[in-house]
């Protein structure tokens, strides 16, 4: 019987430890979920202070930000016309749904585009901030239609559009 005692002791120890081991799994999952939620909230914050909704969410600026979050970042039919042609704010929810997180970070760091997009500011975001922004946008879900295609200089856009002044000489 002496040989069964250590086995019984080990079994009893394993049974006693089981709740602690199983209890650790939900705690780790809660911690991971909390970090993910904080990262998404950071992305929402960056979207807000970066003014992304002003152009990328139709009617956002004129309504003083009173556009439901479910309608954010769907792009806009409002054109911005200037010496570069006419540009339209893209549907970021569709655009980012077609990229991996790594592709987005690389894209955002190298982006050079036409006005009024402040790409030169986006290029300076830290990778962690770009990742937070990406995760926030991705959790909104891909929906909506693509924005109109940019038009070259001299081509008349359909309304609505804003006429942007030419830069000073």
N, C-alpha and C. Protein backbone atom coordinates (compact mmCIF):
# COMPACT_ATOMS: atom_id res chain seq x y z
N UNK A 1 0.80 -1.19 0.00
CA UNK A 1 0.00 0.00 0.00
C UNK A 1 0.85 1.27 0.00
N UNK A 2 2.05 1.13 0.42
CA UNK A 2 2.92 2.30 0.47
C UNK A 2 3.14 2.88 -0.92
N UNK A 3 3.10 2.03 -1.94
CA UNK A 3 3.29 2.52 -3.29
C UNK A 3 2.11 3.35 -3.77
N UNK A 4 0.90 3.10 -3.26
CA UNK A 4 -0.26 3.86 -3.71
C UNK A 4 -0.38 5.20 -3.00
N UNK A 5 0.23 5.35 -1.87
CA UNK A 5 0.13 6.59 -1.13
C UNK A 5 0.69 7.78 -1.90
N UNK A 6 1.89 7.69 -2.48
CA UNK A 6 2.36 8.84 -3.25
C UNK A 6 1.46 9.14 -4.45
N UNK A 7 0.95 8.10 -5.09
CA UNK A 7 0.06 8.30 -6.24
C UNK A 7 -1.23 8.98 -5.77
N UNK A 8 -1.78 8.50 -4.65
CA UNK A 8 -3.00 9.11 -4.11
C UNK A 8 -2.74 10.56 -3.70
N UNK A 9 -1.57 10.79 -3.14
CA UNK A 9 -1.23 12.16 -2.73
C UNK A 9 -1.13 13.06 -3.95
N UNK A 10 -0.50 12.57 -5.01
CA UNK A 10 -0.39 13.35 -6.24
C UNK A 10 -1.76 13.61 -6.86
N UNK A 11 -2.61 12.60 -6.85
CA UNK A 11 -3.96 12.76 -7.40
C UNK A 11 -4.74 13.79 -6.60
N UNK A 12 -4.63 13.69 -5.27
CA UNK A 12 -5.33 14.66 -4.42
C UNK A 12 -4.80 16.07 -4.66
N UNK A 13 -3.48 16.19 -4.82
CA UNK A 13 -2.89 17.49 -5.09
C UNK A 13 -3.37 18.03 -6.44
N UNK A 14 -3.43 17.18 -7.46
CA UNK A 14 -3.90 17.60 -8.79
C UNK A 14 -5.35 18.05 -8.73
N UNK A 15 -6.17 17.30 -8.01
CA UNK A 15 -7.58 17.67 -7.88
C UNK A 15 -7.72 18.98 -7.13
N UNK A 16 -6.93 19.18 -6.11
CA UNK A 16 -7.00 20.41 -5.33
C UNK A 16 -6.51 21.60 -6.15
N UNK A 17 -5.52 21.38 -6.99
CA UNK A 17 -4.96 22.47 -7.78
C UNK A 17 -5.81 22.79 -9.00
N UNK A 18 -6.65 21.88 -9.42
CA UNK A 18 -7.43 22.08 -10.64
C UNK A 18 -8.23 23.37 -10.64
N UNK A 19 -8.94 23.72 -9.58
CA UNK A 19 -9.68 24.99 -9.63
C UNK A 19 -8.76 26.19 -9.82
N UNK A 20 -7.58 26.16 -9.22
CA UNK A 20 -6.66 27.28 -9.38
C UNK A 20 -6.18 27.39 -10.82
N UNK A 21 -5.87 26.26 -11.42
CA UNK A 21 -5.42 26.27 -12.81
C UNK A 21 -6.55 26.72 -13.72
N UNK A 22 -7.74 26.17 -13.54
CA UNK A 22 -8.87 26.57 -14.37
C UNK A 22 -9.27 28.01 -14.10
N UNK A 23 -9.11 28.46 -12.86
CA UNK A 23 -9.43 29.84 -12.53
C UNK A 23 -8.50 30.83 -13.21
N UNK A 24 -7.28 30.39 -13.51
CA UNK A 24 -6.31 31.27 -14.16
C UNK A 24 -6.70 31.54 -15.61
N UNK A 25 -7.30 30.58 -16.27
CA UNK A 25 -7.67 30.76 -17.68
C UNK A 25 -8.66 31.90 -17.86
N UNK A 26 -9.78 31.91 -17.12
CA UNK A 26 -10.70 33.04 -17.29
C UNK A 26 -10.05 34.38 -16.93
N UNK A 27 -9.17 34.38 -15.94
CA UNK A 27 -8.50 35.63 -15.55
C UNK A 27 -7.61 36.13 -16.69
N UNK A 28 -6.87 35.23 -17.33
CA UNK A 28 -6.02 35.62 -18.45
C UNK A 28 -6.87 36.11 -19.61
N UNK A 29 -7.99 35.44 -19.85
CA UNK A 29 -8.89 35.87 -20.93
C UNK A 29 -9.47 37.25 -20.63
N UNK A 30 -9.82 37.49 -19.36
CA UNK A 30 -10.33 38.81 -18.98
C UNK A 30 -9.28 39.89 -19.18
N UNK A 31 -8.03 39.56 -18.83
CA UNK A 31 -6.95 40.52 -18.99
C UNK A 31 -6.71 40.83 -20.47
N UNK A 32 -6.73 39.81 -21.31
CA UNK A 32 -6.55 39.99 -22.75
C UNK A 32 -7.70 40.81 -23.32
N UNK A 33 -8.92 40.51 -22.91
CA UNK A 33 -10.09 41.25 -23.39
C UNK A 33 -10.02 42.71 -22.94
N UNK A 34 -9.54 42.94 -21.73
CA UNK A 34 -9.43 44.31 -21.22
C UNK A 34 -8.40 45.10 -22.02
N UNK A 35 -7.26 44.47 -22.34
CA UNK A 35 -6.23 45.15 -23.16
C UNK A 35 -6.78 45.45 -24.55
N UNK A 36 -7.51 44.51 -25.14
CA UNK A 36 -8.09 44.71 -26.47
C UNK A 36 -9.10 45.86 -26.44
N UNK A 37 -9.92 45.91 -25.41
CA UNK A 37 -10.92 46.98 -25.28
C UNK A 37 -10.23 48.34 -25.12
N UNK A 38 -9.14 48.38 -24.35
CA UNK A 38 -8.41 49.64 -24.18
C UNK A 38 -7.78 50.08 -25.50
N UNK A 39 -7.29 49.12 -26.28
CA UNK A 39 -6.68 49.46 -27.57
C UNK A 39 -7.75 50.01 -28.53
N UNK A 40 -8.92 49.40 -28.54
CA UNK A 40 -10.00 49.88 -29.40
C UNK A 40 -10.45 51.27 -28.95
N UNK A 41 -10.55 51.48 -27.65
CA UNK A 41 -10.93 52.80 -27.14
C UNK A 41 -9.87 53.85 -27.52
N UNK A 42 -8.61 53.46 -27.51
CA UNK A 42 -7.54 54.36 -27.93
C UNK A 42 -7.72 54.72 -29.41
N UNK A 43 -8.07 53.74 -30.23
CA UNK A 43 -8.33 54.00 -31.65
C UNK A 43 -9.47 54.97 -31.84
N UNK A 44 -10.54 54.82 -31.04
CA UNK A 44 -11.68 55.74 -31.12
C UNK A 44 -11.25 57.16 -30.74
N UNK A 45 -10.44 57.25 -29.70
CA UNK A 45 -9.92 58.55 -29.27
C UNK A 45 -9.09 59.22 -30.37
N UNK A 46 -8.20 58.46 -30.99
CA UNK A 46 -7.36 59.00 -32.06
C UNK A 46 -8.20 59.46 -33.24
N UNK A 47 -9.21 58.71 -33.57
CA UNK A 47 -10.15 59.09 -34.63
C UNK A 47 -10.79 60.44 -34.30
N UNK A 48 -11.18 60.60 -33.05
CA UNK A 48 -11.84 61.83 -32.63
C UNK A 48 -10.90 63.02 -32.66
N UNK A 49 -9.76 62.92 -31.99
CA UNK A 49 -8.85 64.07 -31.93
C UNK A 49 -8.16 64.32 -33.27
N UNK A 50 -8.08 63.30 -34.12
CA UNK A 50 -7.50 63.46 -35.44
C UNK A 50 -8.46 64.10 -36.43
N UNK A 51 -9.72 64.24 -36.05
CA UNK A 51 -10.71 64.86 -36.92
C UNK A 51 -11.08 64.00 -38.13
N UNK A 52 -10.85 62.71 -38.06
CA UNK A 52 -11.11 61.82 -39.21
C UNK A 52 -12.58 61.86 -39.64
N UNK A 53 -13.48 61.93 -38.66
CA UNK A 53 -14.90 61.97 -38.99
C UNK A 53 -15.30 63.22 -39.77
N UNK A 54 -14.57 64.31 -39.59
CA UNK A 54 -14.93 65.56 -40.26
C UNK A 54 -15.09 65.38 -41.76
N UNK A 55 -14.24 64.56 -42.35
CA UNK A 55 -14.33 64.31 -43.80
C UNK A 55 -14.87 62.92 -44.12
N UNK A 56 -14.48 61.93 -43.34
CA UNK A 56 -14.79 60.54 -43.68
C UNK A 56 -16.17 60.08 -43.21
N UNK A 57 -16.91 60.93 -42.50
CA UNK A 57 -18.27 60.60 -42.08
C UNK A 57 -19.20 61.69 -42.60
N UNK A 58 -20.02 61.34 -43.56
CA UNK A 58 -20.89 62.29 -44.23
C UNK A 58 -21.74 63.08 -43.23
N UNK A 59 -21.68 64.39 -43.33
CA UNK A 59 -22.50 65.27 -42.50
C UNK A 59 -22.00 65.48 -41.10
N UNK A 60 -20.83 64.97 -40.75
CA UNK A 60 -20.34 65.02 -39.38
C UNK A 60 -20.07 66.46 -38.92
N UNK A 61 -19.25 67.18 -39.66
CA UNK A 61 -18.91 68.55 -39.24
C UNK A 61 -20.12 69.47 -39.24
N UNK A 62 -20.95 69.48 -40.30
CA UNK A 62 -22.11 70.38 -40.27
C UNK A 62 -23.11 70.07 -39.16
N UNK A 63 -23.15 68.80 -38.70
CA UNK A 63 -24.10 68.43 -37.64
C UNK A 63 -23.48 68.53 -36.26
N UNK A 64 -22.29 69.14 -36.18
CA UNK A 64 -21.57 69.27 -34.91
C UNK A 64 -21.32 67.91 -34.27
N UNK A 65 -21.01 66.93 -35.11
CA UNK A 65 -20.67 65.61 -34.61
C UNK A 65 -21.83 64.72 -34.25
N UNK A 66 -23.03 65.11 -34.60
CA UNK A 66 -24.21 64.34 -34.22
C UNK A 66 -24.57 63.32 -35.31
N UNK A 67 -23.60 62.47 -35.64
CA UNK A 67 -23.80 61.36 -36.56
C UNK A 67 -23.64 60.09 -35.72
N UNK A 68 -24.58 59.16 -35.80
CA UNK A 68 -24.44 57.94 -35.00
C UNK A 68 -23.14 57.19 -35.33
N UNK A 69 -22.54 56.61 -34.33
CA UNK A 69 -21.27 55.90 -34.50
C UNK A 69 -21.37 54.80 -35.56
N UNK A 70 -22.53 54.19 -35.70
CA UNK A 70 -22.71 53.14 -36.71
C UNK A 70 -22.54 53.68 -38.13
N UNK A 71 -22.61 55.01 -38.31
CA UNK A 71 -22.47 55.64 -39.62
C UNK A 71 -21.11 56.33 -39.80
N UNK A 72 -20.21 56.14 -38.88
CA UNK A 72 -18.89 56.76 -38.97
C UNK A 72 -18.03 56.08 -40.03
N UNK A 73 -17.20 56.88 -40.67
CA UNK A 73 -16.12 56.44 -41.56
C UNK A 73 -16.60 55.72 -42.82
N UNK A 74 -17.81 56.05 -43.26
CA UNK A 74 -18.36 55.44 -44.48
C UNK A 74 -18.00 56.22 -45.74
N UNK A 75 -17.16 57.24 -45.59
CA UNK A 75 -16.80 58.07 -46.74
C UNK A 75 -17.84 59.14 -46.94
N UNK A 76 -17.66 59.91 -48.02
CA UNK A 76 -18.57 61.02 -48.26
C UNK A 76 -18.67 61.31 -49.75
N UNK A 77 -19.88 61.69 -50.21
CA UNK A 77 -20.03 62.10 -51.60
C UNK A 77 -19.59 63.55 -51.84
N UNK A 78 -19.21 64.26 -50.77
CA UNK A 78 -18.77 65.64 -50.89
C UNK A 78 -17.36 65.67 -51.47
N UNK A 79 -17.21 66.33 -52.61
CA UNK A 79 -15.90 66.45 -53.24
C UNK A 79 -15.16 67.67 -52.75
N UNK A 80 -13.85 67.59 -52.81
CA UNK A 80 -12.98 68.72 -52.51
C UNK A 80 -12.23 69.03 -53.79
N UNK A 81 -12.57 70.16 -54.41
CA UNK A 81 -12.03 70.52 -55.72
C UNK A 81 -10.99 71.62 -55.59
N UNK A 82 -9.87 71.40 -56.24
CA UNK A 82 -8.80 72.38 -56.23
C UNK A 82 -7.88 72.14 -57.42
N UNK A 83 -6.71 72.74 -57.41
CA UNK A 83 -5.78 72.58 -58.53
C UNK A 83 -5.38 71.13 -58.80
N UNK A 84 -5.53 70.26 -57.81
CA UNK A 84 -5.18 68.84 -57.93
C UNK A 84 -6.28 68.02 -58.59
N UNK A 85 -7.47 68.61 -58.77
CA UNK A 85 -8.64 67.89 -59.25
C UNK A 85 -9.69 67.87 -58.16
N UNK A 86 -10.43 66.79 -58.08
CA UNK A 86 -11.45 66.64 -57.03
C UNK A 86 -11.21 65.33 -56.30
N UNK A 87 -11.15 65.41 -54.98
CA UNK A 87 -10.96 64.21 -54.16
C UNK A 87 -12.17 63.99 -53.28
N UNK A 88 -12.33 62.76 -52.85
CA UNK A 88 -13.43 62.36 -51.98
C UNK A 88 -12.86 61.55 -50.83
N UNK A 89 -13.41 61.79 -49.63
CA UNK A 89 -12.97 61.03 -48.46
C UNK A 89 -13.42 59.58 -48.62
N UNK A 90 -12.48 58.66 -48.47
CA UNK A 90 -12.77 57.24 -48.69
C UNK A 90 -13.60 56.63 -47.57
N UNK A 91 -14.22 55.52 -47.88
CA UNK A 91 -14.91 54.70 -46.89
C UNK A 91 -13.82 53.88 -46.20
N UNK A 92 -13.38 54.35 -45.05
CA UNK A 92 -12.29 53.68 -44.34
C UNK A 92 -12.68 52.30 -43.85
N UNK A 93 -13.95 52.09 -43.59
CA UNK A 93 -14.39 50.78 -43.11
C UNK A 93 -14.20 49.72 -44.20
N UNK A 94 -14.49 50.09 -45.44
CA UNK A 94 -14.25 49.15 -46.54
C UNK A 94 -12.75 49.03 -46.82
N UNK A 95 -12.06 50.16 -46.86
CA UNK A 95 -10.63 50.14 -47.17
C UNK A 95 -9.84 49.29 -46.18
N UNK A 96 -10.05 49.51 -44.89
CA UNK A 96 -9.29 48.76 -43.89
C UNK A 96 -9.72 47.30 -43.80
N UNK A 97 -10.95 46.99 -44.24
CA UNK A 97 -11.39 45.59 -44.22
C UNK A 97 -10.64 44.76 -45.25
N UNK A 98 -10.00 45.43 -46.21
CA UNK A 98 -9.26 44.73 -47.27
C UNK A 98 -7.77 44.64 -46.96
N UNK A 99 -7.36 45.14 -45.79
CA UNK A 99 -5.95 45.14 -45.40
C UNK A 99 -5.75 44.37 -44.11
N UNK A 100 -4.58 43.77 -43.99
CA UNK A 100 -4.18 43.24 -42.68
C UNK A 100 -3.69 44.41 -41.84
N UNK A 101 -3.53 44.17 -40.58
CA UNK A 101 -3.02 45.22 -39.70
C UNK A 101 -1.62 45.66 -40.15
N UNK A 102 -0.78 44.70 -40.51
CA UNK A 102 0.57 45.04 -40.98
C UNK A 102 0.52 45.86 -42.26
N UNK A 103 -0.35 45.50 -43.18
CA UNK A 103 -0.49 46.26 -44.43
C UNK A 103 -0.94 47.68 -44.15
N UNK A 104 -1.88 47.84 -43.21
CA UNK A 104 -2.36 49.18 -42.86
C UNK A 104 -1.23 50.04 -42.30
N UNK A 105 -0.45 49.50 -41.37
CA UNK A 105 0.63 50.27 -40.77
C UNK A 105 1.62 50.72 -41.85
N UNK A 106 2.00 49.81 -42.72
CA UNK A 106 2.93 50.14 -43.81
C UNK A 106 2.31 51.19 -44.75
N UNK A 107 1.05 51.01 -45.10
CA UNK A 107 0.34 51.94 -45.99
C UNK A 107 0.27 53.34 -45.38
N UNK A 108 -0.14 53.42 -44.11
CA UNK A 108 -0.30 54.71 -43.44
C UNK A 108 1.03 55.45 -43.30
N UNK A 109 2.11 54.72 -43.08
CA UNK A 109 3.43 55.34 -42.93
C UNK A 109 3.95 55.89 -44.26
N UNK A 110 3.53 55.30 -45.39
CA UNK A 110 4.04 55.69 -46.70
C UNK A 110 3.05 56.54 -47.50
N UNK A 111 1.84 56.74 -46.98
CA UNK A 111 0.79 57.42 -47.73
C UNK A 111 1.19 58.83 -48.15
N UNK A 112 0.94 59.12 -49.40
CA UNK A 112 1.07 60.48 -49.94
C UNK A 112 -0.11 60.62 -50.89
N UNK A 113 -0.97 61.58 -50.61
CA UNK A 113 -2.17 61.73 -51.42
C UNK A 113 -2.49 63.20 -51.61
N UNK A 114 -3.62 63.47 -52.20
CA UNK A 114 -4.01 64.85 -52.52
C UNK A 114 -4.79 65.47 -51.37
N UNK A 115 -4.87 66.82 -51.37
CA UNK A 115 -5.65 67.52 -50.36
C UNK A 115 -7.13 67.11 -50.42
N UNK A 116 -7.82 67.30 -49.34
CA UNK A 116 -7.41 67.92 -48.08
C UNK A 116 -6.85 66.93 -47.06
N UNK A 117 -6.62 65.66 -47.45
CA UNK A 117 -6.13 64.66 -46.50
C UNK A 117 -4.76 65.05 -45.95
N UNK A 118 -4.66 65.17 -44.62
CA UNK A 118 -3.36 65.52 -44.03
C UNK A 118 -2.48 64.28 -43.86
N UNK A 119 -2.12 63.66 -44.96
CA UNK A 119 -1.31 62.43 -44.95
C UNK A 119 0.01 62.63 -44.22
N UNK A 120 0.56 63.83 -44.28
CA UNK A 120 1.84 64.13 -43.64
C UNK A 120 1.74 64.03 -42.13
N UNK A 121 0.53 64.19 -41.59
CA UNK A 121 0.32 63.97 -40.15
C UNK A 121 0.18 62.48 -39.85
N UNK A 122 -0.60 61.79 -40.66
CA UNK A 122 -0.80 60.35 -40.46
C UNK A 122 0.52 59.60 -40.54
N UNK A 123 1.41 60.02 -41.43
CA UNK A 123 2.72 59.38 -41.57
C UNK A 123 3.51 59.38 -40.27
N UNK A 124 3.21 60.31 -39.37
CA UNK A 124 3.97 60.45 -38.13
C UNK A 124 3.39 59.68 -36.94
N UNK A 125 2.22 59.08 -37.12
CA UNK A 125 1.62 58.32 -36.02
C UNK A 125 2.54 57.16 -35.64
N UNK A 126 2.57 56.85 -34.36
CA UNK A 126 3.31 55.68 -33.88
C UNK A 126 2.61 54.41 -34.37
N UNK A 127 3.38 53.37 -34.57
CA UNK A 127 2.81 52.10 -35.01
C UNK A 127 1.69 51.64 -34.08
N UNK A 128 1.89 51.80 -32.77
CA UNK A 128 0.87 51.35 -31.81
C UNK A 128 -0.43 52.13 -31.99
N UNK A 129 -0.34 53.42 -32.32
CA UNK A 129 -1.54 54.21 -32.55
C UNK A 129 -2.23 53.80 -33.85
N UNK A 130 -1.45 53.53 -34.88
CA UNK A 130 -2.04 53.05 -36.14
C UNK A 130 -2.74 51.72 -35.92
N UNK A 131 -2.16 50.86 -35.10
CA UNK A 131 -2.78 49.56 -34.80
C UNK A 131 -4.10 49.74 -34.02
N UNK A 132 -4.09 50.66 -33.08
CA UNK A 132 -5.31 50.94 -32.31
C UNK A 132 -6.40 51.48 -33.22
N UNK A 133 -6.03 52.40 -34.10
CA UNK A 133 -6.99 52.96 -35.04
C UNK A 133 -7.55 51.85 -35.94
N UNK A 134 -6.69 51.02 -36.46
CA UNK A 134 -7.09 49.90 -37.31
C UNK A 134 -8.09 49.00 -36.59
N UNK A 135 -7.78 48.64 -35.36
CA UNK A 135 -8.67 47.74 -34.61
C UNK A 135 -10.01 48.39 -34.31
N UNK A 136 -10.01 49.69 -34.04
CA UNK A 136 -11.27 50.38 -33.83
C UNK A 136 -12.11 50.33 -35.11
N UNK A 137 -11.52 50.70 -36.23
CA UNK A 137 -12.26 50.73 -37.49
C UNK A 137 -12.74 49.33 -37.85
N UNK A 138 -11.90 48.33 -37.68
CA UNK A 138 -12.28 46.96 -38.03
C UNK A 138 -13.46 46.47 -37.17
N UNK A 139 -13.51 46.86 -35.91
CA UNK A 139 -14.61 46.40 -35.06
C UNK A 139 -15.93 47.07 -35.45
N UNK A 140 -15.88 48.19 -36.17
CA UNK A 140 -17.12 48.81 -36.66
C UNK A 140 -17.76 47.94 -37.75
N UNK A 141 -16.94 47.21 -38.48
CA UNK A 141 -17.43 46.33 -39.53
C UNK A 141 -17.43 46.98 -40.90
N UNK A 142 -17.19 46.18 -41.93
CA UNK A 142 -17.17 46.71 -43.30
C UNK A 142 -18.60 46.90 -43.81
N UNK A 143 -18.94 48.09 -44.17
CA UNK A 143 -20.28 48.37 -44.68
C UNK A 143 -20.23 49.62 -45.54
N UNK A 144 -21.30 49.86 -46.26
CA UNK A 144 -21.39 51.05 -47.09
C UNK A 144 -20.87 50.83 -48.49
N UNK A 145 -20.80 51.91 -49.22
CA UNK A 145 -20.35 51.90 -50.60
C UNK A 145 -19.01 52.62 -50.71
N UNK A 146 -18.22 52.28 -51.71
CA UNK A 146 -16.98 53.04 -51.92
C UNK A 146 -17.29 54.51 -52.25
N UNK A 147 -16.41 55.38 -51.87
CA UNK A 147 -16.55 56.80 -52.21
C UNK A 147 -16.33 56.97 -53.71
N UNK A 148 -16.82 58.07 -54.27
CA UNK A 148 -16.56 58.32 -55.70
C UNK A 148 -15.06 58.37 -55.99
N UNK A 149 -14.70 58.05 -57.20
CA UNK A 149 -13.30 58.11 -57.64
C UNK A 149 -12.85 59.57 -57.76
N UNK A 150 -11.59 59.81 -57.46
CA UNK A 150 -11.02 61.15 -57.63
C UNK A 150 -11.08 61.54 -59.11
N UNK A 151 -11.22 62.83 -59.35
CA UNK A 151 -11.25 63.36 -60.72
C UNK A 151 -9.99 64.17 -60.99
N UNK A 152 -9.50 64.14 -62.22
CA UNK A 152 -8.30 64.92 -62.54
C UNK A 152 -8.62 66.41 -62.64
N UNK A 153 -7.59 67.25 -62.60
CA UNK A 153 -7.80 68.69 -62.76
C UNK A 153 -8.53 68.98 -64.07
N UNK A 154 -9.41 69.96 -64.03
CA UNK A 154 -10.14 70.37 -65.22
C UNK A 154 -11.43 69.61 -65.48
N UNK A 155 -11.62 68.48 -64.82
CA UNK A 155 -12.86 67.73 -65.00
C UNK A 155 -13.89 68.22 -63.99
N UNK A 156 -15.05 68.62 -64.47
CA UNK A 156 -16.11 69.18 -63.63
C UNK A 156 -16.76 68.08 -62.79
N UNK A 157 -16.73 68.22 -61.46
CA UNK A 157 -17.40 67.23 -60.60
C UNK A 157 -18.90 67.49 -60.51
N UNK A 158 -19.63 66.43 -60.17
CA UNK A 158 -21.05 66.60 -59.86
C UNK A 158 -21.16 67.17 -58.45
N UNK A 159 -22.15 68.01 -58.20
CA UNK A 159 -22.35 68.49 -56.82
C UNK A 159 -22.73 67.31 -55.92
N UNK A 160 -22.45 67.39 -54.66
CA UNK A 160 -21.89 68.52 -53.93
C UNK A 160 -20.36 68.48 -53.92
N UNK A 161 -19.77 69.66 -53.94
CA UNK A 161 -18.33 69.76 -53.77
C UNK A 161 -17.99 71.13 -53.20
N UNK A 162 -16.85 71.19 -52.56
CA UNK A 162 -16.31 72.44 -52.04
C UNK A 162 -15.18 72.87 -52.96
N UNK A 163 -15.20 74.12 -53.35
CA UNK A 163 -14.10 74.65 -54.16
C UNK A 163 -13.00 75.08 -53.22
N UNK A 164 -11.86 74.43 -53.35
CA UNK A 164 -10.71 74.72 -52.49
C UNK A 164 -9.88 75.79 -53.18
N UNK A 165 -9.42 76.77 -52.44
CA UNK A 165 -8.61 77.81 -53.10
C UNK A 165 -7.26 77.26 -53.54
N UNK A 166 -6.72 77.87 -54.56
CA UNK A 166 -5.37 77.51 -55.00
C UNK A 166 -4.37 77.97 -53.96
N UNK A 167 -3.28 77.25 -53.80
CA UNK A 167 -2.27 77.69 -52.83
C UNK A 167 -1.65 79.02 -53.25
N UNK A 168 -1.21 79.81 -52.30
CA UNK A 168 -0.58 81.09 -52.64
C UNK A 168 0.67 80.88 -53.47
N UNK A 169 0.94 81.81 -54.33
CA UNK A 169 2.15 81.71 -55.20
C UNK A 169 3.32 82.40 -54.58
